PDB file of all heavy atoms in Angstrom:
ATOM      1  N   LEU A   1      60.867 -30.530 -46.070  1.00  0.00           N
ATOM      2  CA  LEU A   1      60.628 -30.923 -44.686  1.00  0.00           C
ATOM      3  C   LEU A   1      60.837 -32.416 -44.490  1.00  0.00           C
ATOM      4  O   LEU A   1      61.446 -32.861 -43.519  1.00  0.00           O
ATOM      5  CB  LEU A   1      59.208 -30.523 -44.272  1.00  0.00           C
ATOM      6  CG  LEU A   1      58.778 -30.862 -42.842  1.00  0.00           C
ATOM      7  CD1 LEU A   1      59.709 -30.235 -41.827  1.00  0.00           C
ATOM      8  CD2 LEU A   1      57.339 -30.414 -42.600  1.00  0.00           C
ATOM      9  N   GLY A   2      60.350 -33.204 -45.451  1.00  0.00           N
ATOM     10  CA  GLY A   2      60.507 -34.658 -45.342  1.00  0.00           C
ATOM     11  C   GLY A   2      61.961 -35.088 -45.421  1.00  0.00           C
ATOM     12  O   GLY A   2      62.384 -35.998 -44.699  1.00  0.00           O
ATOM     13  N   MET A   3      62.738 -34.458 -46.282  1.00  0.00           N
ATOM     14  CA  MET A   3      64.161 -34.778 -46.371  1.00  0.00           C
ATOM     15  C   MET A   3      64.872 -34.404 -45.077  1.00  0.00           C
ATOM     16  O   MET A   3      65.768 -35.125 -44.610  1.00  0.00           O
ATOM     17  CB  MET A   3      64.778 -34.048 -47.564  1.00  0.00           C
ATOM     18  CG  MET A   3      64.280 -34.532 -48.916  1.00  0.00           C
ATOM     19  SD  MET A   3      64.670 -33.379 -50.261  1.00  0.00           S
ATOM     20  CE  MET A   3      66.460 -33.503 -50.306  1.00  0.00           C
ATOM     21  N   GLY A   4      64.472 -33.282 -44.488  1.00  0.00           N
ATOM     22  CA  GLY A   4      65.047 -32.894 -43.202  1.00  0.00           C
ATOM     23  C   GLY A   4      64.735 -33.903 -42.114  1.00  0.00           C
ATOM     24  O   GLY A   4      65.580 -34.190 -41.258  1.00  0.00           O
ATOM     25  N   GLN A   5      63.523 -34.464 -42.145  1.00  0.00           N
ATOM     26  CA  GLN A   5      63.168 -35.492 -41.167  1.00  0.00           C
ATOM     27  C   GLN A   5      64.054 -36.726 -41.339  1.00  0.00           C
ATOM     28  O   GLN A   5      64.523 -37.313 -40.367  1.00  0.00           O
ATOM     29  CB  GLN A   5      61.704 -35.900 -41.337  1.00  0.00           C
ATOM     30  CG  GLN A   5      60.708 -34.872 -40.845  1.00  0.00           C
ATOM     31  CD  GLN A   5      60.775 -34.667 -39.342  1.00  0.00           C
ATOM     32  OE1 GLN A   5      61.164 -33.614 -38.867  1.00  0.00           O
ATOM     33  NE2 GLN A   5      60.409 -35.678 -38.594  1.00  0.00           N
ATOM     34  N   ARG A   6      64.284 -37.118 -42.573  1.00  0.00           N
ATOM     35  CA  ARG A   6      65.140 -38.281 -42.825  1.00  0.00           C
ATOM     36  C   ARG A   6      66.569 -38.020 -42.332  1.00  0.00           C
ATOM     37  O   ARG A   6      67.220 -38.918 -41.790  1.00  0.00           O
ATOM     38  CB  ARG A   6      65.132 -38.624 -44.319  1.00  0.00           C
ATOM     39  CG  ARG A   6      63.812 -39.226 -44.795  1.00  0.00           C
ATOM     40  CD  ARG A   6      63.803 -39.472 -46.305  1.00  0.00           C
ATOM     41  NE  ARG A   6      62.555 -40.061 -46.755  1.00  0.00           N
ATOM     42  CZ  ARG A   6      62.324 -41.359 -46.928  1.00  0.00           C
ATOM     43  NH1 ARG A   6      63.298 -42.226 -46.674  1.00  0.00           N
ATOM     44  NH2 ARG A   6      61.165 -41.803 -47.347  1.00  0.00           N
ATOM     45  N   LEU A   7      67.045 -36.800 -42.517  1.00  0.00           N
ATOM     46  CA  LEU A   7      68.379 -36.465 -42.025  1.00  0.00           C
ATOM     47  C   LEU A   7      68.420 -36.521 -40.500  1.00  0.00           C
ATOM     48  O   LEU A   7      69.395 -37.002 -39.913  1.00  0.00           O
ATOM     49  CB  LEU A   7      68.779 -35.076 -42.510  1.00  0.00           C
ATOM     50  CG  LEU A   7      70.160 -34.577 -42.074  1.00  0.00           C
ATOM     51  CD1 LEU A   7      71.262 -35.520 -42.559  1.00  0.00           C
ATOM     52  CD2 LEU A   7      70.397 -33.155 -42.580  1.00  0.00           C
ATOM     53  N   GLY A   8      67.358 -36.044 -39.853  1.00  0.00           N
ATOM     54  CA  GLY A   8      67.302 -36.122 -38.400  1.00  0.00           C
ATOM     55  C   GLY A   8      67.294 -37.552 -37.893  1.00  0.00           C
ATOM     56  O   GLY A   8      67.921 -37.878 -36.881  1.00  0.00           O
ATOM     57  N   ILE A   9      66.578 -38.429 -38.593  1.00  0.00           N
ATOM     58  CA  ILE A   9      66.580 -39.849 -38.223  1.00  0.00           C
ATOM     59  C   ILE A   9      67.969 -40.439 -38.412  1.00  0.00           C
ATOM     60  O   ILE A   9      68.453 -41.220 -37.582  1.00  0.00           O
ATOM     61  CB  ILE A   9      65.522 -40.610 -39.052  1.00  0.00           C
ATOM     62  CG1 ILE A   9      64.119 -40.147 -38.667  1.00  0.00           C
ATOM     63  CG2 ILE A   9      65.662 -42.119 -38.856  1.00  0.00           C
ATOM     64  CD1 ILE A   9      63.014 -40.693 -39.551  1.00  0.00           C
ATOM     65  N   ALA A  10      68.638 -40.070 -39.505  1.00  0.00           N
ATOM     66  CA  ALA A  10      70.004 -40.551 -39.748  1.00  0.00           C
ATOM     67  C   ALA A  10      70.933 -40.142 -38.609  1.00  0.00           C
ATOM     68  O   ALA A  10      71.757 -40.942 -38.145  1.00  0.00           O
ATOM     69  CB  ALA A  10      70.518 -40.009 -41.076  1.00  0.00           C
ATOM     70  N   ALA A  11      70.806 -38.898 -38.139  1.00  0.00           N
ATOM     71  CA  ALA A  11      71.655 -38.421 -37.044  1.00  0.00           C
ATOM     72  C   ALA A  11      71.402 -39.227 -35.780  1.00  0.00           C
ATOM     73  O   ALA A  11      72.334 -39.551 -35.030  1.00  0.00           O
ATOM     74  CB  ALA A  11      71.395 -36.934 -36.794  1.00  0.00           C
ATOM     75  N   ALA A  12      70.128 -39.569 -35.515  1.00  0.00           N
ATOM     76  CA  ALA A  12      69.797 -40.347 -34.325  1.00  0.00           C
ATOM     77  C   ALA A  12      70.380 -41.755 -34.379  1.00  0.00           C
ATOM     78  O   ALA A  12      70.670 -42.367 -33.342  1.00  0.00           O
ATOM     79  CB  ALA A  12      68.278 -40.422 -34.164  1.00  0.00           C
ATOM     80  N   LEU A  13      70.593 -42.264 -35.587  1.00  0.00           N
ATOM     81  CA  LEU A  13      71.059 -43.650 -35.747  1.00  0.00           C
ATOM     82  C   LEU A  13      72.572 -43.771 -35.864  1.00  0.00           C
ATOM     83  O   LEU A  13      73.091 -44.887 -35.930  1.00  0.00           O
ATOM     84  CB  LEU A  13      70.413 -44.266 -36.988  1.00  0.00           C
ATOM     85  CG  LEU A  13      68.881 -44.274 -37.020  1.00  0.00           C
ATOM     86  CD1 LEU A  13      68.384 -44.912 -38.314  1.00  0.00           C
ATOM     87  CD2 LEU A  13      68.328 -45.009 -35.820  1.00  0.00           C
ATOM     88  N   LEU A  14      73.295 -42.657 -35.880  1.00  0.00           N
ATOM     89  CA  LEU A  14      74.740 -42.684 -36.141  1.00  0.00           C
ATOM     90  C   LEU A  14      75.491 -43.643 -35.237  1.00  0.00           C
ATOM     91  O   LEU A  14      76.345 -44.413 -35.690  1.00  0.00           O
ATOM     92  CB  LEU A  14      75.321 -41.272 -35.981  1.00  0.00           C
ATOM     93  CG  LEU A  14      75.408 -40.412 -37.231  1.00  0.00           C
ATOM     94  CD1 LEU A  14      75.903 -39.023 -36.871  1.00  0.00           C
ATOM     95  CD2 LEU A  14      76.328 -41.051 -38.271  1.00  0.00           C
ATOM     96  N   GLY A  15      75.208 -43.582 -33.941  1.00  0.00           N
ATOM     97  CA  GLY A  15      75.958 -44.406 -32.994  1.00  0.00           C
ATOM     98  C   GLY A  15      75.405 -45.795 -32.803  1.00  0.00           C
ATOM     99  O   GLY A  15      75.880 -46.521 -31.917  1.00  0.00           O
ATOM    100  N   ASP A  16      74.408 -46.202 -33.624  1.00  0.00           N
ATOM    101  CA  ASP A  16      73.759 -47.504 -33.481  1.00  0.00           C
ATOM    102  C   ASP A  16      73.362 -47.748 -32.031  1.00  0.00           C
ATOM    103  O   ASP A  16      73.684 -48.791 -31.451  1.00  0.00           O
ATOM    104  CB  ASP A  16      74.699 -48.612 -33.963  1.00  0.00           C
ATOM    105  CG  ASP A  16      73.955 -49.910 -34.275  1.00  0.00           C
ATOM    106  OD1 ASP A  16      72.731 -49.855 -34.494  1.00  0.00           O
ATOM    107  OD2 ASP A  16      74.600 -50.969 -34.266  1.00  0.00           O
ATOM    108  N   PRO A  17      72.622 -46.788 -31.412  1.00  0.00           N
ATOM    109  CA  PRO A  17      72.385 -46.842 -29.966  1.00  0.00           C
ATOM    110  C   PRO A  17      71.293 -47.835 -29.584  1.00  0.00           C
ATOM    111  O   PRO A  17      70.399 -48.136 -30.392  1.00  0.00           O
ATOM    112  CB  PRO A  17      71.952 -45.410 -29.642  1.00  0.00           C
ATOM    113  CG  PRO A  17      71.275 -44.963 -30.889  1.00  0.00           C
ATOM    114  CD  PRO A  17      72.023 -45.589 -32.025  1.00  0.00           C
ATOM    115  N   PRO A  18      71.314 -48.313 -28.334  1.00  0.00           N
ATOM    116  CA  PRO A  18      70.276 -49.228 -27.856  1.00  0.00           C
ATOM    117  C   PRO A  18      68.989 -48.516 -27.471  1.00  0.00           C
ATOM    118  O   PRO A  18      67.969 -49.168 -27.249  1.00  0.00           O
ATOM    119  CB  PRO A  18      70.913 -49.882 -26.640  1.00  0.00           C
ATOM    120  CG  PRO A  18      71.864 -48.851 -26.124  1.00  0.00           C
ATOM    121  CD  PRO A  18      72.397 -48.141 -27.340  1.00  0.00           C
ATOM    122  N   THR A  19      69.028 -47.183 -27.377  1.00  0.00           N
ATOM    123  CA  THR A  19      67.857 -46.412 -26.956  1.00  0.00           C
ATOM    124  C   THR A  19      67.639 -45.275 -27.942  1.00  0.00           C
ATOM    125  O   THR A  19      68.576 -44.580 -28.328  1.00  0.00           O
ATOM    126  CB  THR A  19      68.065 -45.836 -25.541  1.00  0.00           C
ATOM    127  OG1 THR A  19      68.348 -46.911 -24.639  1.00  0.00           O
ATOM    128  CG2 THR A  19      66.820 -45.104 -25.064  1.00  0.00           C
ATOM    129  N   LEU A  20      66.376 -45.075 -28.340  1.00  0.00           N
ATOM    130  CA  LEU A  20      66.045 -44.069 -29.347  1.00  0.00           C
ATOM    131  C   LEU A  20      64.820 -43.278 -28.902  1.00  0.00           C
ATOM    132  O   LEU A  20      63.859 -43.853 -28.376  1.00  0.00           O
ATOM    133  CB  LEU A  20      65.752 -44.730 -30.691  1.00  0.00           C
ATOM    134  CG  LEU A  20      66.930 -45.441 -31.375  1.00  0.00           C
ATOM    135  CD1 LEU A  20      66.418 -46.480 -32.366  1.00  0.00           C
ATOM    136  CD2 LEU A  20      67.822 -44.427 -32.084  1.00  0.00           C
ATOM    137  N   ILE A  21      64.843 -41.959 -29.125  1.00  0.00           N
ATOM    138  CA  ILE A  21      63.649 -41.149 -28.896  1.00  0.00           C
ATOM    139  C   ILE A  21      63.404 -40.274 -30.123  1.00  0.00           C
ATOM    140  O   ILE A  21      64.338 -39.717 -30.695  1.00  0.00           O
ATOM    141  CB  ILE A  21      63.749 -40.300 -27.615  1.00  0.00           C
ATOM    142  CG1 ILE A  21      64.867 -39.264 -27.698  1.00  0.00           C
ATOM    143  CG2 ILE A  21      63.935 -41.175 -26.396  1.00  0.00           C
ATOM    144  CD1 ILE A  21      64.864 -38.316 -26.520  1.00  0.00           C
ATOM    145  N   PHE A  22      62.145 -40.193 -30.516  1.00  0.00           N
ATOM    146  CA  PHE A  22      61.764 -39.446 -31.711  1.00  0.00           C
ATOM    147  C   PHE A  22      60.557 -38.575 -31.392  1.00  0.00           C
ATOM    148  O   PHE A  22      59.551 -39.062 -30.868  1.00  0.00           O
ATOM    149  CB  PHE A  22      61.400 -40.394 -32.853  1.00  0.00           C
ATOM    150  CG  PHE A  22      62.512 -41.282 -33.310  1.00  0.00           C
ATOM    151  CD1 PHE A  22      62.632 -42.577 -32.853  1.00  0.00           C
ATOM    152  CD2 PHE A  22      63.453 -40.811 -34.213  1.00  0.00           C
ATOM    153  CE1 PHE A  22      63.655 -43.401 -33.281  1.00  0.00           C
ATOM    154  CE2 PHE A  22      64.491 -41.629 -34.655  1.00  0.00           C
ATOM    155  CZ  PHE A  22      64.601 -42.915 -34.181  1.00  0.00           C
ATOM    156  N   ASP A  23      60.641 -37.291 -31.716  1.00  0.00           N
ATOM    157  CA  ASP A  23      59.530 -36.364 -31.566  1.00  0.00           C
ATOM    158  C   ASP A  23      58.955 -36.082 -32.950  1.00  0.00           C
ATOM    159  O   ASP A  23      59.628 -35.484 -33.791  1.00  0.00           O
ATOM    160  CB  ASP A  23      60.015 -35.074 -30.900  1.00  0.00           C
ATOM    161  CG  ASP A  23      58.875 -34.162 -30.483  1.00  0.00           C
ATOM    162  OD1 ASP A  23      57.703 -34.578 -30.608  1.00  0.00           O
ATOM    163  OD2 ASP A  23      59.148 -33.031 -30.029  1.00  0.00           O
ATOM    164  N   GLU A  24      57.729 -36.524 -33.196  1.00  0.00           N
ATOM    165  CA  GLU A  24      57.050 -36.365 -34.489  1.00  0.00           C
ATOM    166  C   GLU A  24      57.932 -36.845 -35.651  1.00  0.00           C
ATOM    167  O   GLU A  24      58.243 -36.089 -36.579  1.00  0.00           O
ATOM    168  CB  GLU A  24      56.654 -34.898 -34.706  1.00  0.00           C
ATOM    169  CG  GLU A  24      55.743 -34.324 -33.639  1.00  0.00           C
ATOM    170  CD  GLU A  24      54.322 -34.873 -33.692  1.00  0.00           C
ATOM    171  OE1 GLU A  24      53.999 -35.600 -34.650  1.00  0.00           O
ATOM    172  OE2 GLU A  24      53.546 -34.569 -32.773  1.00  0.00           O
ATOM    173  N   PRO A  25      58.325 -38.118 -35.660  1.00  0.00           N
ATOM    174  CA  PRO A  25      59.281 -38.591 -36.683  1.00  0.00           C
ATOM    175  C   PRO A  25      58.736 -38.621 -38.100  1.00  0.00           C
ATOM    176  O   PRO A  25      59.517 -38.606 -39.048  1.00  0.00           O
ATOM    177  CB  PRO A  25      59.628 -40.012 -36.202  1.00  0.00           C
ATOM    178  CG  PRO A  25      58.437 -40.430 -35.399  1.00  0.00           C
ATOM    179  CD  PRO A  25      57.951 -39.184 -34.722  1.00  0.00           C
ATOM    180  N   VAL A  26      57.405 -38.674 -38.281  1.00  0.00           N
ATOM    181  CA  VAL A  26      56.863 -38.751 -39.642  1.00  0.00           C
ATOM    182  C   VAL A  26      56.389 -37.392 -40.142  1.00  0.00           C
ATOM    183  O   VAL A  26      55.756 -37.314 -41.206  1.00  0.00           O
ATOM    184  CB  VAL A  26      55.717 -39.790 -39.728  1.00  0.00           C
ATOM    185  CG1 VAL A  26      56.220 -41.164 -39.338  1.00  0.00           C
ATOM    186  CG2 VAL A  26      54.529 -39.386 -38.874  1.00  0.00           C
ATOM    187  N   ASN A  27      56.705 -36.340 -39.427  1.00  0.00           N
ATOM    188  CA  ASN A  27      56.282 -35.007 -39.842  1.00  0.00           C
ATOM    189  C   ASN A  27      56.875 -34.658 -41.206  1.00  0.00           C
ATOM    190  O   ASN A  27      58.085 -34.629 -41.387  1.00  0.00           O
ATOM    191  CB  ASN A  27      56.747 -33.981 -38.797  1.00  0.00           C
ATOM    192  CG  ASN A  27      56.223 -32.591 -39.064  1.00  0.00           C
ATOM    193  OD1 ASN A  27      55.163 -32.424 -39.669  1.00  0.00           O
ATOM    194  ND2 ASN A  27      56.948 -31.583 -38.617  1.00  0.00           N
ATOM    195  N   GLY A  28      56.017 -34.387 -42.194  1.00  0.00           N
ATOM    196  CA  GLY A  28      56.471 -34.013 -43.525  1.00  0.00           C
ATOM    197  C   GLY A  28      56.749 -35.172 -44.452  1.00  0.00           C
ATOM    198  O   GLY A  28      57.031 -34.946 -45.638  1.00  0.00           O
ATOM    199  N   LEU A  29      56.695 -36.403 -43.968  1.00  0.00           N
ATOM    200  CA  LEU A  29      56.946 -37.550 -44.843  1.00  0.00           C
ATOM    201  C   LEU A  29      55.721 -37.847 -45.703  1.00  0.00           C
ATOM    202  O   LEU A  29      54.578 -37.663 -45.270  1.00  0.00           O
ATOM    203  CB  LEU A  29      57.303 -38.785 -44.013  1.00  0.00           C
ATOM    204  CG  LEU A  29      58.601 -38.729 -43.197  1.00  0.00           C
ATOM    205  CD1 LEU A  29      58.809 -40.044 -42.457  1.00  0.00           C
ATOM    206  CD2 LEU A  29      59.798 -38.428 -44.086  1.00  0.00           C
ATOM    207  N   ASP A  30      55.970 -38.331 -46.904  1.00  0.00           N
ATOM    208  CA  ASP A  30      54.873 -38.747 -47.768  1.00  0.00           C
ATOM    209  C   ASP A  30      54.397 -40.138 -47.331  1.00  0.00           C
ATOM    210  O   ASP A  30      54.969 -40.738 -46.415  1.00  0.00           O
ATOM    211  CB  ASP A  30      55.308 -38.721 -49.235  1.00  0.00           C
ATOM    212  CG  ASP A  30      56.481 -39.643 -49.533  1.00  0.00           C
ATOM    213  OD1 ASP A  30      56.767 -40.540 -48.710  1.00  0.00           O
ATOM    214  OD2 ASP A  30      57.127 -39.464 -50.577  1.00  0.00           O
ATOM    215  N   PRO A  31      53.305 -40.670 -47.912  1.00  0.00           N
ATOM    216  CA  PRO A  31      52.784 -41.968 -47.450  1.00  0.00           C
ATOM    217  C   PRO A  31      53.815 -43.082 -47.451  1.00  0.00           C
ATOM    218  O   PRO A  31      53.876 -43.887 -46.509  1.00  0.00           O
ATOM    219  CB  PRO A  31      51.639 -42.248 -48.439  1.00  0.00           C
ATOM    220  CG  PRO A  31      51.149 -40.886 -48.818  1.00  0.00           C
ATOM    221  CD  PRO A  31      52.389 -40.033 -48.899  1.00  0.00           C
ATOM    222  N   GLU A  32      54.650 -43.149 -48.505  1.00  0.00           N
ATOM    223  CA  GLU A  32      55.689 -44.189 -48.528  1.00  0.00           C
ATOM    224  C   GLU A  32      56.663 -43.985 -47.388  1.00  0.00           C
ATOM    225  O   GLU A  32      57.107 -44.940 -46.740  1.00  0.00           O
ATOM    226  CB  GLU A  32      56.418 -44.144 -49.881  1.00  0.00           C
ATOM    227  CG  GLU A  32      57.487 -45.214 -50.046  1.00  0.00           C
ATOM    228  CD  GLU A  32      58.836 -44.836 -49.421  1.00  0.00           C
ATOM    229  OE1 GLU A  32      59.115 -43.624 -49.304  1.00  0.00           O
ATOM    230  OE2 GLU A  32      59.593 -45.758 -49.036  1.00  0.00           O
ATOM    231  N   GLY A  33      57.014 -42.718 -47.125  1.00  0.00           N
ATOM    232  CA  GLY A  33      57.948 -42.415 -46.051  1.00  0.00           C
ATOM    233  C   GLY A  33      57.385 -42.750 -44.682  1.00  0.00           C
ATOM    234  O   GLY A  33      58.111 -43.192 -43.781  1.00  0.00           O
ATOM    235  N   ILE A  34      56.078 -42.539 -44.496  1.00  0.00           N
ATOM    236  CA  ILE A  34      55.443 -42.867 -43.212  1.00  0.00           C
ATOM    237  C   ILE A  34      55.506 -44.366 -42.958  1.00  0.00           C
ATOM    238  O   ILE A  34      55.838 -44.809 -41.854  1.00  0.00           O
ATOM    239  CB  ILE A  34      53.991 -42.361 -43.203  1.00  0.00           C
ATOM    240  CG1 ILE A  34      53.970 -40.825 -43.173  1.00  0.00           C
ATOM    241  CG2 ILE A  34      53.222 -42.919 -42.012  1.00  0.00           C
ATOM    242  CD1 ILE A  34      52.576 -40.231 -43.315  1.00  0.00           C
ATOM    243  N   ILE A  35      55.205 -45.161 -43.979  1.00  0.00           N
ATOM    244  CA  ILE A  35      55.270 -46.615 -43.826  1.00  0.00           C
ATOM    245  C   ILE A  35      56.708 -47.048 -43.558  1.00  0.00           C
ATOM    246  O   ILE A  35      56.970 -47.920 -42.718  1.00  0.00           O
ATOM    247  CB  ILE A  35      54.711 -47.309 -45.080  1.00  0.00           C
ATOM    248  CG1 ILE A  35      53.221 -47.000 -45.228  1.00  0.00           C
ATOM    249  CG2 ILE A  35      54.952 -48.816 -45.018  1.00  0.00           C
ATOM    250  CD1 ILE A  35      52.616 -47.488 -46.526  1.00  0.00           C
ATOM    251  N   TRP A  36      57.662 -46.437 -44.258  1.00  0.00           N
ATOM    252  CA  TRP A  36      59.079 -46.755 -44.039  1.00  0.00           C
ATOM    253  C   TRP A  36      59.476 -46.444 -42.599  1.00  0.00           C
ATOM    254  O   TRP A  36      60.113 -47.273 -41.927  1.00  0.00           O
ATOM    255  CB  TRP A  36      59.937 -45.941 -44.998  1.00  0.00           C
ATOM    256  CG  TRP A  36      61.380 -45.889 -44.610  1.00  0.00           C
ATOM    257  CD1 TRP A  36      62.319 -46.872 -44.772  1.00  0.00           C
ATOM    258  CD2 TRP A  36      62.046 -44.802 -43.942  1.00  0.00           C
ATOM    259  NE1 TRP A  36      63.527 -46.464 -44.258  1.00  0.00           N
ATOM    260  CE2 TRP A  36      63.388 -45.200 -43.744  1.00  0.00           C
ATOM    261  CE3 TRP A  36      61.641 -43.550 -43.506  1.00  0.00           C
ATOM    262  CZ2 TRP A  36      64.327 -44.378 -43.114  1.00  0.00           C
ATOM    263  CZ3 TRP A  36      62.572 -42.721 -42.889  1.00  0.00           C
ATOM    264  CH2 TRP A  36      63.897 -43.136 -42.696  1.00  0.00           C
ATOM    265  N   ALA A  37      59.099 -45.271 -42.088  1.00  0.00           N
ATOM    266  CA  ALA A  37      59.466 -44.886 -40.725  1.00  0.00           C
ATOM    267  C   ALA A  37      58.823 -45.811 -39.708  1.00  0.00           C
ATOM    268  O   ALA A  37      59.457 -46.219 -38.722  1.00  0.00           O
ATOM    269  CB  ALA A  37      59.063 -43.433 -40.462  1.00  0.00           C
TER     270      ALA A  37
END
């Protein structure tokens, strides 16, 4: 689940956009991943 979340974040960042929306971005991330996000 955490790896899938990271892939979803990667997809959101592809176009280097000025506007970003995230629904539950830390879902499934471990503590290090939560701090990173």
